[in-house]
Amino acid sequence: MAETLVVVSKVKKIVKEAGFRTSGEYVQALSDKISQIVTASIEKVKADGSRKTLGQQDLL
């Protein structure tokens, strides 16, 4: 199982306040998605070659 990159209690709180519940699979899938986004941002910055800092523009 991969490392969890989100604060589970905070995710569950948001979902609960909306009147829903979360499964364990949801939280892990969300964490996996975040990992994919961060990895893609890193690759984008590497390809640019002129920066070492990831910014909001790298999320696109």
N, C-alpha and C. Protein backbone atom coordinates (compact mmCIF):
# COMPACT_ATOMS: atom_id res chain seq x y z
N MET A 1 0.85 -1.19 0.00
CA MET A 1 0.00 0.00 0.00
C MET A 1 0.89 1.24 0.00
N ALA A 2 0.55 2.20 -0.81
CA ALA A 2 1.32 3.43 -0.93
C ALA A 2 1.12 4.34 0.28
N GLU A 3 2.05 5.25 0.43
CA GLU A 3 1.97 6.22 1.52
C GLU A 3 0.77 7.15 1.31
N THR A 4 0.07 7.47 2.39
CA THR A 4 -1.07 8.38 2.33
C THR A 4 -0.56 9.82 2.34
N LEU A 5 -0.96 10.59 1.33
CA LEU A 5 -0.48 11.96 1.17
C LEU A 5 -1.50 13.00 1.60
N VAL A 6 -2.61 12.56 2.14
CA VAL A 6 -3.66 13.48 2.58
C VAL A 6 -3.92 13.29 4.06
N VAL A 7 -4.49 14.30 4.68
CA VAL A 7 -4.91 14.18 6.08
C VAL A 7 -6.31 13.58 6.06
N VAL A 8 -6.38 12.30 6.40
CA VAL A 8 -7.62 11.54 6.27
C VAL A 8 -8.75 12.19 7.05
N SER A 9 -8.48 12.64 8.26
CA SER A 9 -9.54 13.23 9.09
C SER A 9 -10.12 14.49 8.44
N LYS A 10 -9.29 15.26 7.77
CA LYS A 10 -9.78 16.48 7.13
C LYS A 10 -10.62 16.16 5.90
N VAL A 11 -10.20 15.16 5.13
CA VAL A 11 -10.99 14.73 3.98
C VAL A 11 -12.34 14.20 4.45
N LYS A 12 -12.32 13.36 5.47
CA LYS A 12 -13.57 12.79 5.98
C LYS A 12 -14.49 13.86 6.54
N LYS A 13 -13.91 14.88 7.16
CA LYS A 13 -14.72 15.97 7.71
C LYS A 13 -15.46 16.72 6.60
N ILE A 14 -14.76 17.04 5.51
CA ILE A 14 -15.39 17.74 4.38
C ILE A 14 -16.53 16.90 3.82
N VAL A 15 -16.26 15.62 3.63
CA VAL A 15 -17.27 14.73 3.05
C VAL A 15 -18.46 14.58 4.00
N LYS A 16 -18.19 14.43 5.30
CA LYS A 16 -19.26 14.28 6.29
C LYS A 16 -20.12 15.53 6.35
N GLU A 17 -19.50 16.70 6.29
CA GLU A 17 -20.26 17.96 6.32
C GLU A 17 -21.19 18.09 5.13
N ALA A 18 -20.86 17.41 4.03
CA ALA A 18 -21.72 17.41 2.85
C ALA A 18 -22.79 16.33 2.94
N GLY A 19 -22.77 15.54 4.03
CA GLY A 19 -23.78 14.53 4.23
C GLY A 19 -23.45 13.17 3.64
N PHE A 20 -22.18 12.92 3.38
CA PHE A 20 -21.76 11.66 2.77
C PHE A 20 -20.72 10.97 3.64
N ARG A 21 -20.35 9.76 3.22
CA ARG A 21 -19.31 8.98 3.90
C ARG A 21 -18.21 8.66 2.90
N THR A 22 -17.05 8.28 3.43
CA THR A 22 -15.94 7.89 2.56
C THR A 22 -15.55 6.45 2.86
N SER A 23 -15.12 5.78 1.84
CA SER A 23 -14.57 4.44 2.02
C SER A 23 -13.05 4.56 2.13
N GLY A 24 -12.43 3.54 2.63
CA GLY A 24 -10.98 3.51 2.69
C GLY A 24 -10.35 3.59 1.31
N GLU A 25 -11.02 3.00 0.34
CA GLU A 25 -10.53 3.02 -1.02
C GLU A 25 -10.54 4.43 -1.60
N TYR A 26 -11.52 5.24 -1.21
CA TYR A 26 -11.60 6.61 -1.71
C TYR A 26 -10.38 7.41 -1.27
N VAL A 27 -10.07 7.32 0.00
CA VAL A 27 -8.95 8.09 0.54
C VAL A 27 -7.64 7.66 -0.12
N GLN A 28 -7.44 6.36 -0.31
CA GLN A 28 -6.22 5.89 -0.96
C GLN A 28 -6.18 6.32 -2.42
N ALA A 29 -7.31 6.26 -3.11
CA ALA A 29 -7.36 6.70 -4.51
C ALA A 29 -7.07 8.19 -4.62
N LEU A 30 -7.56 8.98 -3.69
CA LEU A 30 -7.28 10.42 -3.67
C LEU A 30 -5.79 10.66 -3.47
N SER A 31 -5.20 9.94 -2.56
CA SER A 31 -3.77 10.05 -2.31
C SER A 31 -2.97 9.65 -3.55
N ASP A 32 -3.39 8.58 -4.22
CA ASP A 32 -2.72 8.15 -5.45
C ASP A 32 -2.82 9.22 -6.53
N LYS A 33 -3.98 9.85 -6.63
CA LYS A 33 -4.19 10.91 -7.63
C LYS A 33 -3.27 12.09 -7.34
N ILE A 34 -3.14 12.46 -6.08
CA ILE A 34 -2.24 13.55 -5.70
C ILE A 34 -0.81 13.20 -6.09
N SER A 35 -0.41 11.97 -5.85
CA SER A 35 0.93 11.52 -6.22
C SER A 35 1.15 11.66 -7.72
N GLN A 36 0.16 11.29 -8.52
CA GLN A 36 0.26 11.42 -9.97
C GLN A 36 0.39 12.88 -10.40
N ILE A 37 -0.38 13.75 -9.77
CA ILE A 37 -0.34 15.18 -10.10
C ILE A 37 1.03 15.76 -9.76
N VAL A 38 1.56 15.43 -8.59
CA VAL A 38 2.86 15.94 -8.18
C VAL A 38 3.96 15.42 -9.11
N THR A 39 3.89 14.14 -9.45
CA THR A 39 4.88 13.56 -10.36
C THR A 39 4.84 14.24 -11.72
N ALA A 40 3.65 14.51 -12.23
CA ALA A 40 3.51 15.20 -13.51
C ALA A 40 4.08 16.62 -13.42
N SER A 41 3.86 17.29 -12.31
CA SER A 41 4.41 18.64 -12.12
C SER A 41 5.93 18.60 -12.10
N ILE A 42 6.49 17.62 -11.44
CA ILE A 42 7.95 17.48 -11.39
C ILE A 42 8.50 17.27 -12.80
N GLU A 43 7.87 16.41 -13.56
CA GLU A 43 8.32 16.16 -14.94
C GLU A 43 8.22 17.42 -15.79
N LYS A 44 7.18 18.21 -15.59
CA LYS A 44 7.01 19.45 -16.34
C LYS A 44 8.14 20.42 -16.02
N VAL A 45 8.49 20.56 -14.75
CA VAL A 45 9.56 21.47 -14.34
C VAL A 45 10.90 20.95 -14.84
N LYS A 46 11.12 19.65 -14.78
CA LYS A 46 12.36 19.07 -15.30
C LYS A 46 12.51 19.37 -16.79
N ALA A 47 11.42 19.23 -17.54
CA ALA A 47 11.46 19.47 -18.98
C ALA A 47 11.76 20.94 -19.28
N ASP A 48 11.26 21.83 -18.44
CA ASP A 48 11.51 23.26 -18.62
C ASP A 48 13.00 23.55 -18.41
N GLY A 49 13.58 22.93 -17.39
CA GLY A 49 15.00 23.03 -17.15
C GLY A 49 15.51 24.29 -16.51
N SER A 50 14.68 25.31 -16.36
CA SER A 50 15.17 26.58 -15.83
C SER A 50 14.69 26.87 -14.42
N ARG A 51 13.90 25.96 -13.84
CA ARG A 51 13.37 26.20 -12.50
C ARG A 51 13.61 24.98 -11.61
N LYS A 52 13.58 25.22 -10.31
CA LYS A 52 13.67 24.15 -9.33
C LYS A 52 12.47 24.17 -8.39
N THR A 53 11.56 25.10 -8.61
CA THR A 53 10.40 25.27 -7.73
C THR A 53 9.12 24.96 -8.50
N LEU A 54 8.30 24.08 -7.93
CA LEU A 54 7.00 23.80 -8.52
C LEU A 54 6.04 24.91 -8.12
N GLY A 55 5.27 25.38 -9.08
CA GLY A 55 4.29 26.43 -8.81
C GLY A 55 2.92 26.01 -9.29
N GLN A 56 1.95 26.87 -9.03
CA GLN A 56 0.57 26.54 -9.40
C GLN A 56 0.42 26.33 -10.89
N GLN A 57 1.24 26.99 -11.68
CA GLN A 57 1.17 26.83 -13.14
C GLN A 57 1.54 25.40 -13.56
N ASP A 58 2.21 24.67 -12.71
CA ASP A 58 2.62 23.31 -13.03
C ASP A 58 1.51 22.29 -12.78
N LEU A 59 0.40 22.73 -12.24
CA LEU A 59 -0.74 21.85 -12.01
C LEU A 59 -1.60 21.68 -13.25
N LEU A 60 -1.38 22.47 -14.25
CA LEU A 60 -2.19 22.41 -15.47
C LEU A 60 -1.74 21.32 -16.40
